[in-house]
C-alpha atoms as a PDB file:
ATOM      1  CA  UNK A   1     188.296 -95.849 128.250  1.00  0.00           C
ATOM      2  CA  UNK A   2     190.911 -94.545 125.831  1.00  0.00           C
ATOM      3  CA  UNK A   3     194.330 -96.144 125.843  1.00  0.00           C
ATOM      4  CA  UNK A   4     197.605 -94.297 125.426  1.00  0.00           C
ATOM      5  CA  UNK A   5     200.613 -96.070 123.932  1.00  0.00           C
ATOM      6  CA  UNK A   6     204.079 -94.855 125.023  1.00  0.00           C
ATOM      7  CA  UNK A   7     207.214 -96.035 123.208  1.00  0.00           C
ATOM      8  CA  UNK A   8     210.738 -95.158 124.332  1.00  0.00           C
ATOM      9  CA  UNK A   9     213.281 -95.937 121.604  1.00  0.00           C
ATOM     10  CA  UNK A  10     216.610 -96.093 123.438  1.00  0.00           C
ATOM     11  CA  UNK A  11     218.620 -96.545 120.218  1.00  0.00           C
ATOM     12  CA  UNK A  12     216.945 -93.698 118.312  1.00  0.00           C
ATOM     13  CA  UNK A  13     216.572 -91.484 121.416  1.00  0.00           C
ATOM     14  CA  UNK A  14     212.888 -90.768 120.861  1.00  0.00           C
ATOM     15  CA  UNK A  15     209.769 -90.884 123.003  1.00  0.00           C
ATOM     16  CA  UNK A  16     206.548 -91.514 121.096  1.00  0.00           C
ATOM     17  CA  UNK A  17     203.075 -91.151 122.596  1.00  0.00           C
ATOM     18  CA  UNK A  18     199.990 -92.339 120.685  1.00  0.00           C
ATOM     19  CA  UNK A  19     196.666 -90.920 121.829  1.00  0.00           C
ATOM     20  CA  UNK A  20     194.693 -92.871 119.208  1.00  0.00           C
ATOM     21  CA  UNK A  21     195.215 -95.763 116.804  1.00  0.00           C
ATOM     22  CA  UNK A  22     198.552 -95.241 114.970  1.00  0.00           C
ATOM     23  CA  UNK A  23     197.023 -96.587 111.746  1.00  0.00           C
ATOM     24  CA  UNK A  24     194.929 -93.380 111.557  1.00  0.00           C
ATOM     25  CA  UNK A  25     198.081 -91.312 110.966  1.00  0.00           C
ATOM     26  CA  UNK A  26     197.759 -89.205 107.826  1.00  0.00           C
ATOM     27  CA  UNK A  27     200.398 -86.484 108.132  1.00  0.00           C
ATOM     28  CA  UNK A  28     203.283 -85.466 110.429  1.00  0.00           C
ATOM     29  CA  UNK A  29     204.349 -81.953 111.326  1.00  0.00           C
ATOM     30  CA  UNK A  30     207.586 -80.986 113.106  1.00  0.00           C
ATOM     31  CA  UNK A  31     207.478 -78.147 115.624  1.00  0.00           C
ATOM     32  CA  UNK A  32     210.332 -75.819 116.545  1.00  0.00           C
ATOM     33  CA  UNK A  33     210.827 -77.699 119.842  1.00  0.00           C
ATOM     34  CA  UNK A  34     211.946 -80.941 118.114  1.00  0.00           C
ATOM     35  CA  UNK A  35     208.519 -82.500 118.577  1.00  0.00           C
ATOM     36  CA  UNK A  36     206.717 -84.245 115.744  1.00  0.00           C
ATOM     37  CA  UNK A  37     202.906 -84.128 115.756  1.00  0.00           C
ATOM     38  CA  UNK A  38     201.108 -87.033 114.100  1.00  0.00           C
ATOM     39  CA  UNK A  39     197.664 -86.070 112.778  1.00  0.00           C
ATOM     40  CA  UNK A  40     194.676 -87.871 111.299  1.00  0.00           C
ATOM     41  CA  UNK A  41     192.869 -86.878 108.070  1.00  0.00           C
ATOM     42  CA  UNK A  42     190.783 -84.294 109.957  1.00  0.00           C
ATOM     43  CA  UNK A  43     193.942 -82.607 111.284  1.00  0.00           C
ATOM     44  CA  UNK A  44     193.489 -83.793 114.868  1.00  0.00           C
ATOM     45  CA  UNK A  45     196.654 -84.662 116.801  1.00  0.00           C
ATOM     46  CA  UNK A  46     196.623 -88.398 117.505  1.00  0.00           C
ATOM     47  CA  UNK A  47     200.207 -88.676 118.718  1.00  0.00           C
ATOM     48  CA  UNK A  48     203.517 -86.936 119.188  1.00  0.00           C
ATOM     49  CA  UNK A  49     207.186 -87.832 119.199  1.00  0.00           C
ATOM     50  CA  UNK A  50     209.916 -86.082 121.183  1.00  0.00           C
ATOM     51  CA  UNK A  51     213.238 -86.189 119.330  1.00  0.00           C
ATOM     52  CA  UNK A  52     216.585 -86.461 121.178  1.00  0.00           C
ATOM     53  CA  UNK A  53     214.873 -87.823 124.297  1.00  0.00           C
ATOM     54  CA  UNK A  54     217.312 -88.842 127.017  1.00  0.00           C
ATOM     55  CA  UNK A  55     216.027 -89.937 130.449  1.00  0.00           C
ATOM     56  CA  UNK A  56     217.454 -87.994 133.383  1.00  0.00           C
ATOM     57  CA  UNK A  57     218.458 -91.182 135.252  1.00  0.00           C
ATOM     58  CA  UNK A  58     219.829 -94.640 134.458  1.00  0.00           C
ATOM     59  CA  UNK A  59     216.715 -96.284 135.896  1.00  0.00           C
ATOM     60  CA  UNK A  60     215.227 -99.032 133.726  1.00  0.00           C
ATOM     61  CA  UNK A  61     211.716 -98.457 132.465  1.00  0.00           C
ATOM     62  CA  UNK A  62     209.695 -95.294 132.136  1.00  0.00           C
ATOM     63  CA  UNK A  63     207.608 -93.817 134.937  1.00  0.00           C
ATOM     64  CA  UNK A  64     204.213 -92.508 133.842  1.00  0.00           C
ATOM     65  CA  UNK A  65     201.883 -90.544 136.084  1.00  0.00           C
ATOM     66  CA  UNK A  66     198.144 -90.617 135.481  1.00  0.00           C
ATOM     67  CA  UNK A  67     195.930 -87.786 136.681  1.00  0.00           C
ATOM     68  CA  UNK A  68     192.167 -88.045 136.260  1.00  0.00           C
ATOM     69  CA  UNK A  69     190.186 -84.846 136.644  1.00  0.00           C
ATOM     70  CA  UNK A  70     186.409 -84.853 136.883  1.00  0.00           C
ATOM     71  CA  UNK A  71     184.283 -81.797 136.467  1.00  0.00           C
ATOM     72  CA  UNK A  72     185.325 -78.265 135.497  1.00  0.00           C
END
């Protein structure tokens, strides 16, 4: 099973999500929506970072919902 790593930097106001091993990062590309895409050597997105991320509540921690879909 693949693991996803989520990092919320409260000082830098970023939310980073790694979909693969961060050491595979080869290049980064910023989109117009203040999102940075981290890609491997083959150009596949292995992570992304949302800039200027501010949670909507003062609740400690970060809620993550997992949805597993099987079939078409």
